Every structure is written in structure tokens, then in C-alpha cells.
Amino acid sequence: RKRFLKCGILHQIVSDISMDSSCPVQEEISKQLTLAELTGFLNLGTTESNDSLNKQEKITTLGLDPLLLPKPNTKPEFQKALKESIEERLFSETKALHLVISRGEGVETKRSLLHPHLIRIHEKIEDIVSDVEKNKSEMKSLNLTLSQSISKESAVLEEMSGLLDVLINKHYAGTKLEATSILVQYMRAKCETIRLKLKCLEMEVIQATYSKEAVKAIRMVKAQLTEKIRRTETELSSVQNTISQYRMVGGEFQDLVSQYSKILKQIQEKKWALNELSGGAV
């Protein structure tokens, strides 16, 4: 697994260098990387041997022979340039990683002073990983403790709720009902006492206001008023009968009433004129 990771990192770095236009051998690196990838694509493995010679046969894509591909460039100048590019790329990547880990605190700027820190960067990463694992275990322990505490508190709260229900329904509700019933009876008796007191006060006021003489006078006034009401009702009944008879006459009654009103008005005017003339003659 580590080997595969190392090869994967190296392949990624070489791929990045092959696309970097600032690299002096960028085209050659791209070409050599393509050849190496083609060689890997052509080799598919070997067959299992069934004979006694244990001879295995290589399997390639479409039966092509890897020897048909051009040989890789092994010139010292190219290898030196490739090595320097890889080292420079690795240095920049590890420097960026070191800056992230150090959070920019007390970071050396010179390459010679920074190189030892980059060599030991794996130790810092291991420390970070161990801290993360430790924090995870502590968090797990805290979560477990918290869950246990919550379950205990929930059980206590549930028990308290049951006890409160018993206290309210069995004790408080019964006592409250009895106390309320007694209070209602007391308020009812108090209201009845107040009503009787008001009645007594009313009788005292009536007794103080209406003496024997005043009652006798009131009765006489009542009799006179009753007699007057009776006479008025009799007159009203007579007038209503007269009006009914007039209404039975028909439309001529209205003309007769109008003429009668005019005649009365003329008589009053003539009386007023005679009075004025009589007063002037005197």
C-alpha cells in the first residue's frame, strides 16, 4: 500500500511537471511519461502454466510487443533536469503542507533552514493524527458519558412526573375541591345575609319616609288620580266612537271638516276685528 502511494505521488508530480511550461525539458518529460504509460497499458500480466516446465506467457494489449515502442531517454542531462524538477516540486508541496501544519507561526524562510523541518514533517503529521484519534476517543467517551447522564436525568424526571401526578390528582385535587365547596357555601350564606340586611334597610327607609298622615294623604291623592284616569278613559272612548262614526261617513267628511275649519277661522278673525274696532271706539 505504501509502495503504491509512493508510485502514485511520483506519477502525479511527473504529470504536473509535464504540463508546466516553465520547465526546460517539459516536452521531453511529457513524451517520456506517455511512453511509460503506454508500456504499462500494454502489459496485462502473465498466464498460468499447466506444463511441467512452469513456463509463463506474457499477455499484452492486442498482442503488441512493448519492444516496438521507442526506448526511454536515459541521458544524464535529462535525468538531472527531471530530478531537479521533481525535487523542486516536492519542496514546494511539502513547504505548503508545512505552512498549513505550522499555521504560519515561526516558519523559516531560508531553504537551508527550512529543509530539516520538511524532513521531519511526517512526525508532525503523525502527531496530528494521534491528536485527532485521541480527540475522537475523548469525544466518544464524552458522548457516552453525556448519553448516560441524559438517560439518568430522564429517568429521574419521569419518576418526578409520576409523583407529581399522584400528588396533584390524589391529594391536591381532593383538598382543593373540599376547600372550594366550603368557600362556595360560605359565600352563599354571606350573600343571603347581605340581601336580608338590604331588605331591612329598605323597610326602615320606607317606615321613616311614609308616616300615617303621609300614607292617608297618598291614598286620597291616589283615589283622585284614579277617578281622573277613569273619567279621561271614558272621554277617550267617547271621542274614539265619535271619530269612528265620522270615518264611516266617507270622503264627504273630509270636505266638511275643511269647510268647518275655514268657517271657524273666519269667525275668529271677525271676532278679533270687532274687538279691535270696539277698543278703538272707546
Protein backbone atom coordinates (compact mmCIF):
# COMPACT_ATOMS: atom_id res chain seq x y z
CA ARG A 1 0.00 0.00 0.00
CA LYS A 2 2.79 2.45 0.86
CA ARG A 3 4.55 1.46 -2.31
CA PHE A 4 1.51 2.16 -4.41
CA LEU A 5 1.05 5.51 -2.67
CA LYS A 6 4.68 6.42 -3.34
CA CYS A 7 4.35 5.49 -7.01
CA GLY A 8 1.05 7.40 -7.27
CA ILE A 9 2.62 10.54 -5.77
CA LEU A 10 5.62 10.30 -8.08
CA HIS A 11 3.38 9.82 -11.12
CA GLN A 12 1.26 12.82 -10.15
CA ILE A 13 4.33 15.03 -9.70
CA VAL A 14 5.78 13.99 -13.06
CA SER A 15 2.37 14.66 -14.70
CA ASP A 16 2.30 18.14 -13.17
CA ILE A 17 5.85 18.82 -14.38
CA SER A 18 4.93 17.64 -17.88
CA MET A 19 2.24 20.34 -18.02
CA ASP A 20 4.48 23.08 -16.57
CA SER A 21 5.61 25.37 -19.38
CA SER A 22 8.39 26.85 -17.24
CA CYS A 23 10.23 23.51 -17.10
CA PRO A 24 13.13 23.43 -19.63
CA VAL A 25 12.53 19.76 -20.54
CA GLN A 26 8.75 19.87 -20.38
CA GLU A 27 8.20 18.42 -23.86
CA GLU A 28 10.68 15.60 -23.31
CA ILE A 29 9.15 14.74 -19.93
CA SER A 30 5.65 14.68 -21.46
CA LYS A 31 6.87 12.39 -24.22
CA GLN A 32 8.67 10.01 -21.86
CA LEU A 33 5.66 9.91 -19.49
CA THR A 34 3.41 8.97 -22.41
CA LEU A 35 5.77 6.17 -23.41
CA ALA A 36 5.91 4.87 -19.86
CA GLU A 37 2.12 4.91 -19.59
CA LEU A 38 1.79 3.10 -22.91
CA THR A 39 4.19 0.42 -21.70
CA GLY A 40 2.08 -0.02 -18.60
CA PHE A 41 -1.09 -0.21 -20.68
CA LEU A 42 0.41 -2.88 -22.96
CA ASN A 43 1.50 -5.22 -20.14
CA LEU A 44 -1.61 -7.08 -18.90
CA GLY A 45 0.16 -9.80 -16.90
CA THR A 46 1.12 -13.41 -17.48
CA THR A 47 -0.73 -16.68 -17.98
CA GLU A 48 -0.65 -19.58 -15.54
CA SER A 49 1.46 -22.51 -16.59
CA ASN A 50 -0.04 -26.02 -16.83
CA ASP A 51 3.02 -27.93 -18.02
CA SER A 52 5.92 -29.25 -16.06
CA LEU A 53 8.26 -26.54 -17.28
CA ASN A 54 6.32 -23.82 -15.45
CA LYS A 55 6.74 -21.61 -18.46
CA GLN A 56 4.57 -18.46 -18.31
CA GLU A 57 3.49 -16.37 -21.25
CA LYS A 58 3.15 -12.61 -21.14
CA ILE A 59 -0.16 -11.07 -22.19
CA THR A 60 -0.21 -7.68 -23.90
CA THR A 61 -2.89 -5.41 -25.32
CA LEU A 62 -3.84 -6.52 -28.87
CA GLY A 63 -0.79 -8.77 -28.78
CA LEU A 64 1.58 -5.84 -29.24
CA ASP A 65 5.16 -6.19 -28.15
CA PRO A 66 6.39 -3.46 -25.77
CA LEU A 67 9.75 -3.62 -27.54
CA LEU A 68 8.12 -1.90 -30.52
CA LEU A 69 7.89 1.32 -28.51
CA PRO A 70 10.83 3.76 -28.54
CA LYS A 71 13.31 3.30 -25.71
CA PRO A 72 13.11 5.88 -22.89
CA ASN A 73 15.61 8.72 -22.78
CA THR A 74 18.36 7.86 -20.30
CA LYS A 75 20.66 10.80 -20.97
CA PRO A 76 22.30 12.18 -17.81
CA GLU A 77 21.24 15.73 -18.67
CA PHE A 78 17.59 14.75 -18.93
CA GLN A 79 17.72 12.67 -15.75
CA LYS A 80 19.36 15.56 -13.91
CA ALA A 81 16.75 18.07 -15.11
CA LEU A 82 13.95 15.66 -14.24
CA LYS A 83 15.40 15.03 -10.79
CA GLU A 84 15.76 18.76 -10.10
CA SER A 85 12.18 19.41 -11.24
CA ILE A 86 10.87 16.60 -9.03
CA GLU A 87 12.86 17.88 -6.05
CA GLU A 88 11.64 21.43 -6.63
CA ARG A 89 8.03 20.29 -6.94
CA LEU A 90 8.32 18.12 -3.82
CA PHE A 91 9.90 21.01 -1.93
CA SER A 92 7.10 23.43 -2.89
CA GLU A 93 4.40 20.91 -2.00
CA THR A 94 5.96 19.96 1.34
CA LYS A 95 6.60 23.63 2.11
CA ALA A 96 2.92 24.42 1.55
CA LEU A 97 1.99 21.48 3.75
CA HIS A 98 4.45 22.67 6.41
CA LEU A 99 2.90 26.16 6.33
CA VAL A 100 -0.55 24.65 6.80
CA ILE A 101 0.60 22.49 9.71
CA SER A 102 2.59 25.31 11.36
CA ARG A 103 -0.20 27.84 10.73
CA GLY A 104 2.41 30.40 9.68
CA GLU A 105 3.92 30.69 13.16
CA GLY A 106 7.73 30.91 13.31
CA VAL A 107 8.24 29.50 9.80
CA GLU A 108 11.78 29.71 8.40
CA THR A 109 12.14 31.44 5.02
CA LYS A 110 15.62 30.19 4.01
CA ARG A 111 15.69 26.91 2.15
CA SER A 112 18.66 25.56 4.08
CA LEU A 113 16.92 26.22 7.43
CA LEU A 114 13.53 25.01 6.20
CA HIS A 115 14.81 21.70 4.80
CA PRO A 116 15.22 19.94 8.23
CA HIS A 117 11.65 20.84 9.13
CA LEU A 118 10.44 19.36 5.85
CA ILE A 119 12.36 16.16 6.52
CA ARG A 120 10.55 15.76 9.85
CA ILE A 121 7.14 16.79 8.55
CA HIS A 122 5.92 13.20 8.79
CA GLU A 123 6.50 13.34 12.54
CA LYS A 124 4.25 16.38 12.83
CA ILE A 125 1.62 14.68 10.71
CA GLU A 126 1.80 11.60 12.94
CA ASP A 127 1.39 13.84 15.99
CA ILE A 128 -1.62 15.49 14.40
CA VAL A 129 -3.12 12.13 13.51
CA SER A 130 -2.54 10.85 17.06
CA ASP A 131 -4.10 14.04 18.48
CA VAL A 132 -7.10 13.62 16.20
CA GLU A 133 -7.51 9.98 17.24
CA LYS A 134 -7.15 10.97 20.88
CA ASN A 135 -9.73 13.72 20.46
CA LYS A 136 -12.07 11.27 18.75
CA SER A 137 -11.73 8.80 21.60
CA GLU A 138 -12.27 11.56 24.16
CA MET A 139 -15.28 12.81 22.24
CA LYS A 140 -16.67 9.30 22.07
CA SER A 141 -16.15 8.90 25.82
CA LEU A 142 -17.77 12.27 26.48
CA ASN A 143 -20.71 11.40 24.24
CA LEU A 144 -21.14 8.11 26.09
CA THR A 145 -20.99 9.89 29.45
CA LEU A 146 -23.43 12.51 28.21
CA SER A 147 -25.84 9.85 26.96
CA GLN A 148 -25.70 8.07 30.30
CA SER A 149 -26.28 11.33 32.18
CA ILE A 150 -29.20 12.21 29.92
CA SER A 151 -30.75 8.77 30.42
CA LYS A 152 -30.37 9.09 34.20
CA GLU A 153 -31.85 12.59 34.21
CA SER A 154 -34.71 11.39 32.01
CA ALA A 155 -35.44 8.55 34.43
CA VAL A 156 -35.39 10.96 37.38
CA LEU A 157 -37.66 13.42 35.57
CA GLU A 158 -40.07 10.63 34.64
CA GLU A 159 -40.20 9.48 38.25
CA MET A 160 -40.76 13.08 39.43
CA SER A 161 -43.54 13.48 36.87
CA GLY A 162 -45.30 10.37 38.17
CA LEU A 163 -45.02 11.54 41.77
CA LEU A 164 -46.32 15.00 40.86
CA ASP A 165 -49.28 13.43 39.07
CA VAL A 166 -50.11 11.41 42.19
CA LEU A 167 -49.69 14.48 44.39
CA ILE A 168 -51.93 16.63 42.21
CA ASN A 169 -54.64 14.10 41.39
CA LYS A 170 -54.87 12.34 44.75
CA HIS A 171 -54.01 14.95 47.35
CA TYR A 172 -54.21 18.48 45.99
CA ALA A 173 -57.28 17.97 43.78
CA GLY A 174 -59.34 16.39 46.61
CA THR A 175 -58.32 19.00 49.18
CA LYS A 176 -58.90 21.82 46.72
CA LEU A 177 -62.36 20.52 45.84
CA GLU A 178 -63.37 20.32 49.50
CA ALA A 179 -61.98 23.77 50.23
CA THR A 180 -63.76 25.23 47.21
CA SER A 181 -67.07 23.63 48.28
CA ILE A 182 -66.77 25.13 51.77
CA LEU A 183 -65.89 28.53 50.30
CA VAL A 184 -68.91 28.41 48.00
CA GLN A 185 -71.23 27.62 50.92
CA TYR A 186 -69.71 30.45 52.96
CA MET A 187 -70.13 32.96 50.11
CA ARG A 188 -73.72 31.82 49.57
CA ALA A 189 -74.58 32.36 53.27
CA LYS A 190 -72.80 35.74 53.19
CA CYS A 191 -74.76 36.85 50.14
CA GLU A 192 -78.05 35.81 51.78
CA THR A 193 -77.14 37.81 54.93
CA ILE A 194 -76.36 40.89 52.85
CA ARG A 195 -79.67 40.52 50.99
CA LEU A 196 -81.60 40.38 54.30
CA LYS A 197 -79.71 43.42 55.62
CA LEU A 198 -80.63 45.38 52.47
CA LYS A 199 -84.25 44.34 52.87
CA CYS A 200 -84.22 45.57 56.49
CA LEU A 201 -82.68 48.87 55.43
CA GLU A 202 -85.31 49.26 52.72
CA MET A 203 -88.12 48.68 55.27
CA GLU A 204 -86.55 51.18 57.67
CA VAL A 205 -86.33 53.82 54.92
CA ILE A 206 -89.96 53.20 53.93
CA GLN A 207 -91.09 53.40 57.55
CA ALA A 208 -89.19 56.65 58.14
CA THR A 209 -90.44 58.21 54.90
CA TYR A 210 -94.15 57.27 54.96
CA SER A 211 -95.90 58.16 58.24
CA LYS A 212 -99.61 57.52 58.95
CA GLU A 213 -100.62 61.03 57.80
CA ALA A 214 -98.48 60.77 54.66
CA VAL A 215 -99.98 57.38 53.80
CA LYS A 216 -103.52 58.75 54.30
CA ALA A 217 -102.76 61.75 52.03
CA ILE A 218 -101.19 59.48 49.41
CA ARG A 219 -104.25 57.24 49.41
CA MET A 220 -106.54 60.28 48.90
CA VAL A 221 -104.35 61.52 46.03
CA LYS A 222 -104.35 58.03 44.56
CA ALA A 223 -108.15 57.88 44.71
CA GLN A 224 -108.46 61.28 42.99
CA LEU A 225 -105.96 60.31 40.30
CA THR A 226 -107.72 57.01 39.77
CA GLU A 227 -111.05 58.80 39.35
CA LYS A 228 -109.47 61.29 36.95
CA ILE A 229 -107.96 58.45 34.92
CA ARG A 230 -111.35 56.74 34.77
CA ARG A 231 -113.08 59.91 33.51
CA THR A 232 -110.33 60.50 30.98
CA GLU A 233 -110.62 56.95 29.69
CA THR A 234 -114.40 57.42 29.38
CA GLU A 235 -113.92 60.65 27.41
CA LEU A 236 -111.30 58.99 25.25
CA SER A 237 -113.64 56.12 24.49
CA SER A 238 -116.43 58.59 23.58
CA VAL A 239 -114.09 60.55 21.29
CA GLN A 240 -112.88 57.35 19.61
CA ASN A 241 -116.52 56.34 19.00
CA THR A 242 -117.27 59.75 17.51
CA ILE A 243 -114.21 59.55 15.25
CA SER A 244 -115.23 56.10 14.12
CA GLN A 245 -118.69 57.39 13.20
CA TYR A 246 -117.14 60.28 11.26
CA ARG A 247 -114.86 57.86 9.37
CA MET A 248 -117.85 55.79 8.39
CA VAL A 249 -119.35 58.82 6.58
CA GLY A 250 -116.76 58.58 3.76
CA GLY A 251 -114.89 61.14 1.64
CA GLU A 252 -117.50 63.90 2.21
CA PHE A 253 -116.47 64.07 5.85
CA GLN A 254 -113.05 65.42 4.90
CA ASP A 255 -114.58 68.26 2.86
CA LEU A 256 -116.99 69.05 5.67
CA VAL A 257 -114.12 69.17 8.17
CA SER A 258 -112.17 71.52 5.88
CA GLN A 259 -115.14 73.88 5.48
CA TYR A 260 -115.78 73.79 9.21
CA SER A 261 -112.15 74.73 9.87
CA LYS A 262 -112.33 77.62 7.44
CA ILE A 263 -115.57 78.91 8.99
CA LEU A 264 -114.05 78.74 12.49
CA LYS A 265 -111.02 80.62 11.26
CA GLN A 266 -113.20 83.34 9.67
CA ILE A 267 -115.28 83.66 12.86
CA GLN A 268 -112.12 84.09 14.95
CA GLU A 269 -110.78 86.74 12.54
CA LYS A 270 -114.08 88.66 12.62
CA LYS A 271 -114.20 88.49 16.43
CA TRP A 272 -110.66 89.86 16.54
CA ALA A 273 -111.64 92.67 14.13
CA LEU A 274 -114.74 93.55 16.19
CA ASN A 275 -112.66 93.62 19.36
CA GLU A 276 -110.17 95.95 17.69
CA LEU A 277 -112.96 98.23 16.45
CA SER A 278 -114.64 98.26 19.83
CA GLY A 279 -111.38 99.12 21.54
CA GLY A 280 -110.70 101.97 19.04
CA ALA A 281 -114.21 103.46 19.50
CA VAL A 282 -113.80 103.58 23.26
